Amino acid sequence: ILAWGHGGGGRLGGGDSRHRVAPVVWGVEGDAGAVACGANFTLAVVDGGMWATGGNAYGQLGLGDTEDRLVPNAITLPSAGHDDALEQFVARCRTILSGEEGTTLRPSGVSVVAAGSYHAACVCHPSGTLYLWGSSMFGQCGVAGGAESSLWRPRALPWRRGRQDQELVGVECGGSHTAVLCRPKSSVWEYRPRLESRETSPRRIASRSRSKEPASRPAAAGWGVLAELGAARAARAERRGRTPPP
């Protein structure tokens, strides 16, 4: 992770508050998946975990206090409740059935992160749990607003109430507001839940012909109909003693 520019409050994660023209390299090892910049703080997702550095007057770093940080610190997300745990189990089953992971259950982790001026949000995969923290002066963290309204640690927002048929796939933060992207849930039994069609296995096309022609054989993708028609035509020609056309 590289950061440069205004270094006030330690938002660059370089161990000081100096402004930088050349990028500062974060001392966090792992696979970085996403970053987000607030007004005076920076967030990053590394190996599915959250890290934060910079200004923290409203608890926007999610570390449980309001002290600034000069270097990245790991954010601890609270455990999912019963409903979220069930959603996570169902999502993992869907992933296995899709064939994307074989039979390995990978642990949940942050897949999307966003930052407003002084608040932040993230979405965990595969449960779809939404966490928010920081300033909620205008209700942007899902709690009653006010000058003293802030969340110093991430809190799960129960967005599923009345939306059990939806799943959360994205979140974005403006200066003082939050928006999420939802979509209808896919069936647990679909092999490819993102496909538009809900059919996931081949089905035989019924034929109205009563002749005893050979059963259709498997064919390569894109050739199925032509191959079956060709086999039927060849069979009819053979019975009539003709040479089938090419």
C-alpha atoms as a PDB file:
ATOM      1  CA  ILE A   1       0.000   0.000   0.000  1.00  0.00           C
ATOM      2  CA  LEU A   2       1.388   3.380  -1.016  1.00  0.00           C
ATOM      3  CA  ALA A   3       0.221   6.812   0.167  1.00  0.00           C
ATOM      4  CA  TRP A   4       1.366  10.378  -0.436  1.00  0.00           C
ATOM      5  CA  GLY A   5       0.192  13.992  -0.070  1.00  0.00           C
ATOM      6  CA  HIS A   6      -0.980  15.736   3.100  1.00  0.00           C
ATOM      7  CA  GLY A   7       0.357  13.855   6.092  1.00  0.00           C
ATOM      8  CA  GLY A   8      -1.536  15.591   8.893  1.00  0.00           C
ATOM      9  CA  GLY A   9      -2.616  13.308  11.727  1.00  0.00           C
ATOM     10  CA  GLY A  10      -0.654  10.395  10.285  1.00  0.00           C
ATOM     11  CA  ARG A  11      -3.089   9.713   7.436  1.00  0.00           C
ATOM     12  CA  LEU A  12      -0.265   8.501   5.174  1.00  0.00           C
ATOM     13  CA  GLY A  13       0.722   5.777   7.645  1.00  0.00           C
ATOM     14  CA  GLY A  14       4.419   6.625   7.497  1.00  0.00           C
ATOM     15  CA  GLY A  15       5.005   7.145  11.227  1.00  0.00           C
ATOM     16  CA  ASP A  16       4.820  10.957  11.190  1.00  0.00           C
ATOM     17  CA  SER A  17       2.656  13.865  10.027  1.00  0.00           C
ATOM     18  CA  ARG A  18       4.896  15.164   7.259  1.00  0.00           C
ATOM     19  CA  HIS A  19       3.566  15.880   3.813  1.00  0.00           C
ATOM     20  CA  ARG A  20       5.029  13.637   1.146  1.00  0.00           C
ATOM     21  CA  VAL A  21       5.524  13.952  -2.588  1.00  0.00           C
ATOM     22  CA  ALA A  22       7.018  10.482  -2.904  1.00  0.00           C
ATOM     23  CA  PRO A  23       4.830   7.532  -1.864  1.00  0.00           C
ATOM     24  CA  VAL A  24       5.088   6.128   1.648  1.00  0.00           C
ATOM     25  CA  VAL A  25       5.017   2.333   1.876  1.00  0.00           C
ATOM     26  CA  TRP A  26       2.818   0.901   4.616  1.00  0.00           C
ATOM     27  CA  GLY A  27       4.484  -1.582   6.918  1.00  0.00           C
ATOM     28  CA  VAL A  28       1.628  -4.079   6.656  1.00  0.00           C
ATOM     29  CA  GLU A  29       2.317  -7.416   5.012  1.00  0.00           C
ATOM     30  CA  GLY A  30      -0.309  -9.341   3.107  1.00  0.00           C
ATOM     31  CA  ASP A  31      -2.567  -9.174   0.095  1.00  0.00           C
ATOM     32  CA  ALA A  32      -4.070  -5.674  -0.095  1.00  0.00           C
ATOM     33  CA  GLY A  33      -7.562  -5.797  -1.567  1.00  0.00           C
ATOM     34  CA  ALA A  34      -8.949  -2.247  -1.242  1.00  0.00           C
ATOM     35  CA  VAL A  35      -8.225   1.226   0.117  1.00  0.00           C
ATOM     36  CA  ALA A  36     -10.384   4.226   1.008  1.00  0.00           C
ATOM     37  CA  CYS A  37      -9.523   7.798   1.954  1.00  0.00           C
ATOM     38  CA  GLY A  38     -11.509   9.978   4.334  1.00  0.00           C
ATOM     39  CA  ALA A  39     -10.948  13.655   5.081  1.00  0.00           C
ATOM     40  CA  ASN A  40      -7.946  12.973   7.319  1.00  0.00           C
ATOM     41  CA  PHE A  41      -7.657   9.187   7.584  1.00  0.00           C
ATOM     42  CA  THR A  42      -6.972   6.159   5.431  1.00  0.00           C
ATOM     43  CA  LEU A  43      -8.415   2.646   5.488  1.00  0.00           C
ATOM     44  CA  ALA A  44      -7.193  -0.520   3.803  1.00  0.00           C
ATOM     45  CA  VAL A  45      -8.225  -4.148   3.481  1.00  0.00           C
ATOM     46  CA  VAL A  46      -5.326  -6.599   3.853  1.00  0.00           C
ATOM     47  CA  ASP A  47      -5.941 -10.360   3.777  1.00  0.00           C
ATOM     48  CA  GLY A  48      -9.597  -9.708   4.526  1.00  0.00           C
ATOM     49  CA  GLY A  49      -8.835  -7.601   7.613  1.00  0.00           C
ATOM     50  CA  MET A  50      -9.254  -3.866   8.165  1.00  0.00           C
ATOM     51  CA  TRP A  51      -6.432  -1.412   8.877  1.00  0.00           C
ATOM     52  CA  ALA A  52      -6.650   2.309   9.649  1.00  0.00           C
ATOM     53  CA  THR A  53      -4.359   5.281  10.192  1.00  0.00           C
ATOM     54  CA  GLY A  54      -4.675   9.044  10.598  1.00  0.00           C
ATOM     55  CA  GLY A  55      -7.018  11.465  12.351  1.00  0.00           C
ATOM     56  CA  ASN A  56      -9.481   9.998  14.826  1.00  0.00           C
ATOM     57  CA  ALA A  57     -11.426  12.827  16.490  1.00  0.00           C
ATOM     58  CA  TYR A  58     -14.758  11.120  15.772  1.00  0.00           C
ATOM     59  CA  GLY A  59     -13.594   7.526  16.184  1.00  0.00           C
ATOM     60  CA  GLN A  60     -13.358   7.141  12.407  1.00  0.00           C
ATOM     61  CA  LEU A  61     -10.467   4.688  12.776  1.00  0.00           C
ATOM     62  CA  GLY A  62     -12.750   2.239  14.575  1.00  0.00           C
ATOM     63  CA  LEU A  63     -10.213   1.513  17.309  1.00  0.00           C
ATOM     64  CA  GLY A  64     -12.371   2.334  20.334  1.00  0.00           C
ATOM     65  CA  ASP A  65     -10.903   5.775  21.137  1.00  0.00           C
ATOM     66  CA  THR A  66     -10.299   9.204  19.603  1.00  0.00           C
ATOM     67  CA  GLU A  67      -6.510   9.239  19.452  1.00  0.00           C
ATOM     68  CA  ASP A  68      -4.794   9.807  16.116  1.00  0.00           C
ATOM     69  CA  ARG A  69      -2.550   7.077  14.731  1.00  0.00           C
ATOM     70  CA  LEU A  70       0.673   7.646  12.817  1.00  0.00           C
ATOM     71  CA  VAL A  71       0.926   4.058  11.563  1.00  0.00           C
ATOM     72  CA  PRO A  72      -1.727   1.571  10.439  1.00  0.00           C
ATOM     73  CA  ASN A  73      -3.592  -0.283  13.194  1.00  0.00           C
ATOM     74  CA  ALA A  74      -5.789  -3.344  12.822  1.00  0.00           C
ATOM     75  CA  ILE A  75      -9.520  -2.854  13.340  1.00  0.00           C
ATOM     76  CA  THR A  76     -11.400  -5.558  15.219  1.00  0.00           C
ATOM     77  CA  LEU A  77     -14.868  -6.229  13.842  1.00  0.00           C
ATOM     78  CA  PRO A  78     -17.479  -7.533  16.292  1.00  0.00           C
ATOM     79  CA  SER A  79     -18.762 -11.062  15.893  1.00  0.00           C
ATOM     80  CA  ALA A  80     -21.796 -11.515  13.685  1.00  0.00           C
ATOM     81  CA  GLY A  81     -25.120 -12.131  15.381  1.00  0.00           C
ATOM     82  CA  HIS A  82     -27.258 -15.232  14.921  1.00  0.00           C
ATOM     83  CA  ASP A  83     -28.909 -13.964  11.725  1.00  0.00           C
ATOM     84  CA  ASP A  84     -25.616 -12.965  10.175  1.00  0.00           C
ATOM     85  CA  ALA A  85     -24.009 -16.274  11.129  1.00  0.00           C
ATOM     86  CA  LEU A  86     -26.829 -18.117   9.373  1.00  0.00           C
ATOM     87  CA  GLU A  87     -26.463 -15.889   6.307  1.00  0.00           C
ATOM     88  CA  GLN A  88     -22.727 -16.592   6.276  1.00  0.00           C
ATOM     89  CA  PHE A  89     -23.304 -20.352   6.419  1.00  0.00           C
ATOM     90  CA  VAL A  90     -25.798 -20.203   3.549  1.00  0.00           C
ATOM     91  CA  ALA A  91     -23.427 -18.025   1.503  1.00  0.00           C
ATOM     92  CA  ARG A  92     -20.590 -20.481   2.017  1.00  0.00           C
ATOM     93  CA  CYS A  93     -22.781 -23.368   0.908  1.00  0.00           C
ATOM     94  CA  ARG A  94     -23.667 -21.401  -2.214  1.00  0.00           C
ATOM     95  CA  THR A  95     -19.983 -20.807  -2.931  1.00  0.00           C
ATOM     96  CA  ILE A  96     -19.184 -24.508  -2.614  1.00  0.00           C
ATOM     97  CA  LEU A  97     -22.049 -25.495  -4.895  1.00  0.00           C
ATOM     98  CA  SER A  98     -20.917 -22.965  -7.476  1.00  0.00           C
ATOM     99  CA  GLY A  99     -17.633 -24.852  -7.804  1.00  0.00           C
ATOM    100  CA  GLU A 100     -15.624 -21.677  -7.194  1.00  0.00           C
ATOM    101  CA  GLU A 101     -13.886 -23.002  -4.083  1.00  0.00           C
ATOM    102  CA  GLY A 102     -14.031 -26.759  -4.314  1.00  0.00           C
ATOM    103  CA  THR A 103     -14.824 -27.912  -0.788  1.00  0.00           C
ATOM    104  CA  THR A 104     -12.740 -25.387   1.108  1.00  0.00           C
ATOM    105  CA  LEU A 105     -14.543 -22.998   3.460  1.00  0.00           C
ATOM    106  CA  ARG A 106     -12.546 -19.805   3.589  1.00  0.00           C
ATOM    107  CA  PRO A 107     -13.022 -17.483   6.566  1.00  0.00           C
ATOM    108  CA  SER A 108     -15.147 -14.406   6.202  1.00  0.00           C
ATOM    109  CA  GLY A 109     -13.423 -11.110   5.542  1.00  0.00           C
ATOM    110  CA  VAL A 110     -13.953  -7.558   4.407  1.00  0.00           C
ATOM    111  CA  SER A 111     -14.677  -7.338   0.691  1.00  0.00           C
ATOM    112  CA  VAL A 112     -15.717  -3.680   0.330  1.00  0.00           C
ATOM    113  CA  VAL A 113     -14.642  -0.576   2.258  1.00  0.00           C
ATOM    114  CA  ALA A 114     -15.699   3.059   1.954  1.00  0.00           C
ATOM    115  CA  ALA A 115     -14.871   6.292   3.751  1.00  0.00           C
ATOM    116  CA  GLY A 116     -16.788   9.538   4.201  1.00  0.00           C
ATOM    117  CA  SER A 117     -15.357  12.712   5.646  1.00  0.00           C
ATOM    118  CA  TYR A 118     -15.305  11.375   9.202  1.00  0.00           C
ATOM    119  CA  HIS A 119     -17.117   8.041   9.057  1.00  0.00           C
ATOM    120  CA  ALA A 120     -16.511   4.700   7.392  1.00  0.00           C
ATOM    121  CA  ALA A 121     -18.271   1.517   6.323  1.00  0.00           C
ATOM    122  CA  CYS A 122     -17.379  -1.971   5.159  1.00  0.00           C
ATOM    123  CA  VAL A 123     -19.096  -5.110   3.933  1.00  0.00           C
ATOM    124  CA  CYS A 124     -17.954  -8.591   4.976  1.00  0.00           C
ATOM    125  CA  HIS A 125     -17.909 -11.580   2.635  1.00  0.00           C
ATOM    126  CA  PRO A 126     -19.689 -13.929   2.418  1.00  0.00           C
ATOM    127  CA  SER A 127     -22.252 -12.952   5.073  1.00  0.00           C
ATOM    128  CA  GLY A 128     -22.978  -9.511   3.615  1.00  0.00           C
ATOM    129  CA  THR A 129     -22.756  -7.932   7.079  1.00  0.00           C
ATOM    130  CA  LEU A 130     -22.569  -4.124   6.964  1.00  0.00           C
ATOM    131  CA  TYR A 131     -20.457  -2.321   9.564  1.00  0.00           C
ATOM    132  CA  LEU A 132     -20.314   1.448  10.144  1.00  0.00           C
ATOM    133  CA  TRP A 133     -18.342   3.650  12.521  1.00  0.00           C
ATOM    134  CA  GLY A 134     -17.160   7.211  13.088  1.00  0.00           C
ATOM    135  CA  SER A 135     -19.189  10.414  13.106  1.00  0.00           C
ATOM    136  CA  SER A 136     -22.963  10.020  12.933  1.00  0.00           C
ATOM    137  CA  MET A 137     -23.821  13.681  13.366  1.00  0.00           C
ATOM    138  CA  PHE A 138     -26.341  13.442  10.522  1.00  0.00           C
ATOM    139  CA  GLY A 139     -27.257   9.801  11.083  1.00  0.00           C
ATOM    140  CA  GLN A 140     -24.789   8.509   8.472  1.00  0.00           C
ATOM    141  CA  CYS A 141     -23.848   5.543  10.668  1.00  0.00           C
ATOM    142  CA  GLY A 142     -27.432   4.479  11.190  1.00  0.00           C
ATOM    143  CA  VAL A 143     -27.776   5.897  14.711  1.00  0.00           C
ATOM    144  CA  ALA A 144     -29.522   9.048  15.884  1.00  0.00           C
ATOM    145  CA  GLY A 145     -27.587  12.141  14.851  1.00  0.00           C
ATOM    146  CA  GLY A 146     -26.259  14.996  16.937  1.00  0.00           C
ATOM    147  CA  ALA A 147     -23.039  16.835  17.696  1.00  0.00           C
ATOM    148  CA  GLU A 148     -21.972  14.156  20.209  1.00  0.00           C
ATOM    149  CA  SER A 149     -23.115  11.180  18.139  1.00  0.00           C
ATOM    150  CA  SER A 150     -20.166   9.003  17.150  1.00  0.00           C
ATOM    151  CA  LEU A 151     -19.354   5.300  17.020  1.00  0.00           C
ATOM    152  CA  TRP A 152     -15.804   4.606  18.151  1.00  0.00           C
ATOM    153  CA  ARG A 153     -15.990   0.966  17.107  1.00  0.00           C
ATOM    154  CA  PRO A 154     -17.609  -0.743  14.110  1.00  0.00           C
ATOM    155  CA  ARG A 155     -21.255  -1.622  14.615  1.00  0.00           C
ATOM    156  CA  ALA A 156     -23.320  -3.950  12.443  1.00  0.00           C
ATOM    157  CA  LEU A 157     -26.319  -2.227  10.898  1.00  0.00           C
ATOM    158  CA  PRO A 158     -29.420  -4.489  10.801  1.00  0.00           C
ATOM    159  CA  TRP A 159     -30.273  -3.547   7.236  1.00  0.00           C
ATOM    160  CA  ARG A 160     -31.964  -6.932   6.556  1.00  0.00           C
ATOM    161  CA  ARG A 161     -35.118  -6.093   8.508  1.00  0.00           C
ATOM    162  CA  GLY A 162     -37.881  -6.458   5.962  1.00  0.00           C
ATOM    163  CA  ARG A 163     -35.331  -7.306   3.245  1.00  0.00           C
ATOM    164  CA  GLN A 164     -34.663 -11.000   3.825  1.00  0.00           C
ATOM    165  CA  ASP A 165     -34.852 -11.588   0.076  1.00  0.00           C
ATOM    166  CA  GLN A 166     -31.968  -9.176  -0.598  1.00  0.00           C
ATOM    167  CA  GLU A 167     -28.195  -9.445  -0.347  1.00  0.00           C
ATOM    168  CA  LEU A 168     -25.767  -6.561   0.070  1.00  0.00           C
ATOM    169  CA  VAL A 169     -23.006  -6.310  -2.514  1.00  0.00           C
ATOM    170  CA  GLY A 170     -21.580  -2.796  -2.144  1.00  0.00           C
ATOM    171  CA  VAL A 171     -21.385   0.351  -0.028  1.00  0.00           C
ATOM    172  CA  GLU A 172     -20.268   3.923  -0.654  1.00  0.00           C
ATOM    173  CA  CYS A 173     -19.930   6.966   1.590  1.00  0.00           C
ATOM    174  CA  GLY A 174     -20.364  10.636   0.788  1.00  0.00           C
ATOM    175  CA  GLY A 175     -19.120  13.376   3.057  1.00  0.00           C
ATOM    176  CA  SER A 176     -21.911  12.806   5.580  1.00  0.00           C
ATOM    177  CA  HIS A 177     -24.127  10.073   4.146  1.00  0.00           C
ATOM    178  CA  THR A 178     -24.019   6.389   3.251  1.00  0.00           C
ATOM    179  CA  ALA A 179     -25.545   4.317   0.449  1.00  0.00           C
ATOM    180  CA  VAL A 180     -25.543   0.572  -0.164  1.00  0.00           C
ATOM    181  CA  LEU A 181     -26.198  -1.589  -3.208  1.00  0.00           C
ATOM    182  CA  CYS A 182     -28.558  -4.549  -2.766  1.00  0.00           C
ATOM    183  CA  ARG A 183     -29.810  -7.200  -5.165  1.00  0.00           C
ATOM    184  CA  PRO A 184     -32.219 -10.154  -4.970  1.00  0.00           C
ATOM    185  CA  LYS A 185     -30.702 -13.243  -3.433  1.00  0.00           C
ATOM    186  CA  SER A 186     -29.788 -16.120  -5.699  1.00  0.00           C
ATOM    187  CA  SER A 187     -31.036 -19.583  -4.983  1.00  0.00           C
ATOM    188  CA  VAL A 188     -28.795 -21.672  -2.721  1.00  0.00           C
ATOM    189  CA  TRP A 189     -29.060 -24.513  -5.171  1.00  0.00           C
ATOM    190  CA  GLU A 190     -27.871 -22.630  -8.215  1.00  0.00           C
ATOM    191  CA  TYR A 191     -24.494 -23.725  -9.487  1.00  0.00           C
ATOM    192  CA  ARG A 192     -23.749 -20.274 -10.878  1.00  0.00           C
ATOM    193  CA  PRO A 193     -25.681 -17.790  -8.750  1.00  0.00           C
ATOM    194  CA  ARG A 194     -24.685 -14.802 -10.893  1.00  0.00           C
ATOM    195  CA  LEU A 195     -26.116 -16.166 -14.104  1.00  0.00           C
ATOM    196  CA  GLU A 196     -29.276 -14.461 -15.322  1.00  0.00           C
ATOM    197  CA  SER A 197     -30.935 -17.803 -16.076  1.00  0.00           C
ATOM    198  CA  ARG A 198     -31.938 -19.878 -13.070  1.00  0.00           C
ATOM    199  CA  GLU A 199     -31.410 -23.115 -14.999  1.00  0.00           C
ATOM    200  CA  THR A 200     -28.102 -24.659 -14.037  1.00  0.00           C
ATOM    201  CA  SER A 201     -28.133 -28.070 -15.698  1.00  0.00           C
ATOM    202  CA  PRO A 202     -28.808 -29.321 -19.238  1.00  0.00           C
ATOM    203  CA  ARG A 203     -32.387 -30.327 -19.970  1.00  0.00           C
ATOM    204  CA  ARG A 204     -33.651 -32.498 -22.798  1.00  0.00           C
ATOM    205  CA  ILE A 205     -35.744 -30.834 -25.483  1.00  0.00           C
ATOM    206  CA  ALA A 206     -38.874 -32.914 -26.005  1.00  0.00           C
ATOM    207  CA  SER A 207     -39.477 -34.164 -29.529  1.00  0.00           C
ATOM    208  CA  ARG A 208     -42.908 -34.715 -31.034  1.00  0.00           C
ATOM    209  CA  SER A 209     -41.587 -37.318 -33.480  1.00  0.00           C
ATOM    210  CA  ARG A 210     -42.738 -40.885 -32.738  1.00  0.00           C
ATOM    211  CA  SER A 211     -40.132 -42.550 -34.939  1.00  0.00           C
ATOM    212  CA  LYS A 212     -37.591 -44.789 -33.258  1.00  0.00           C
ATOM    213  CA  GLU A 213     -34.573 -42.681 -34.064  1.00  0.00           C
ATOM    214  CA  PRO A 214     -31.314 -42.926 -32.146  1.00  0.00           C
ATOM    215  CA  ALA A 215     -31.199 -40.988 -28.906  1.00  0.00           C
ATOM    216  CA  SER A 216     -29.332 -37.693 -29.036  1.00  0.00           C
ATOM    217  CA  ARG A 217     -25.686 -37.837 -28.074  1.00  0.00           C
ATOM    218  CA  PRO A 218     -23.762 -35.208 -26.142  1.00  0.00           C
ATOM    219  CA  ALA A 219     -22.285 -32.528 -28.365  1.00  0.00           C
ATOM    220  CA  ALA A 220     -19.820 -29.714 -27.982  1.00  0.00           C
ATOM    221  CA  ALA A 221     -21.146 -26.351 -26.847  1.00  0.00           C
ATOM    222  CA  GLY A 222     -22.593 -24.380 -29.716  1.00  0.00           C
ATOM    223  CA  TRP A 223     -23.117 -27.480 -31.838  1.00  0.00           C
ATOM    224  CA  GLY A 224     -25.794 -29.295 -29.836  1.00  0.00           C
ATOM    225  CA  VAL A 225     -28.870 -28.602 -31.992  1.00  0.00           C
ATOM    226  CA  LEU A 226     -27.101 -29.038 -35.315  1.00  0.00           C
ATOM    227  CA  ALA A 227     -25.426 -32.265 -34.199  1.00  0.00           C
ATOM    228  CA  GLU A 228     -28.728 -33.763 -33.049  1.00  0.00           C
ATOM    229  CA  LEU A 229     -30.508 -32.740 -36.248  1.00  0.00           C
ATOM    230  CA  GLY A 230     -27.654 -34.158 -38.298  1.00  0.00           C
ATOM    231  CA  ALA A 231     -27.800 -37.504 -36.476  1.00  0.00           C
ATOM    232  CA  ALA A 232     -31.568 -37.779 -37.010  1.00  0.00           C
ATOM    233  CA  ARG A 233     -31.300 -36.927 -40.716  1.00  0.00           C
ATOM    234  CA  ALA A 234     -28.530 -39.482 -41.210  1.00  0.00           C
ATOM    235  CA  ALA A 235     -30.637 -42.152 -39.535  1.00  0.00           C
ATOM    236  CA  ARG A 236     -33.626 -41.471 -41.788  1.00  0.00           C
ATOM    237  CA  ALA A 237     -31.474 -41.505 -44.914  1.00  0.00           C
ATOM    238  CA  GLU A 238     -29.902 -44.809 -43.910  1.00  0.00           C
ATOM    239  CA  ARG A 239     -33.311 -46.435 -43.522  1.00  0.00           C
ATOM    240  CA  ARG A 240     -34.319 -45.203 -46.992  1.00  0.00           C
ATOM    241  CA  GLY A 241     -31.113 -46.465 -48.575  1.00  0.00           C
ATOM    242  CA  ARG A 242     -29.879 -43.014 -49.473  1.00  0.00           C
ATOM    243  CA  THR A 243     -26.584 -41.307 -48.919  1.00  0.00           C
ATOM    244  CA  PRO A 244     -27.103 -38.582 -46.353  1.00  0.00           C
ATOM    245  CA  PRO A 245     -26.266 -35.098 -47.589  1.00  0.00           C
ATOM    246  CA  PRO A 246     -23.233 -33.408 -46.036  1.00  0.00           C
END
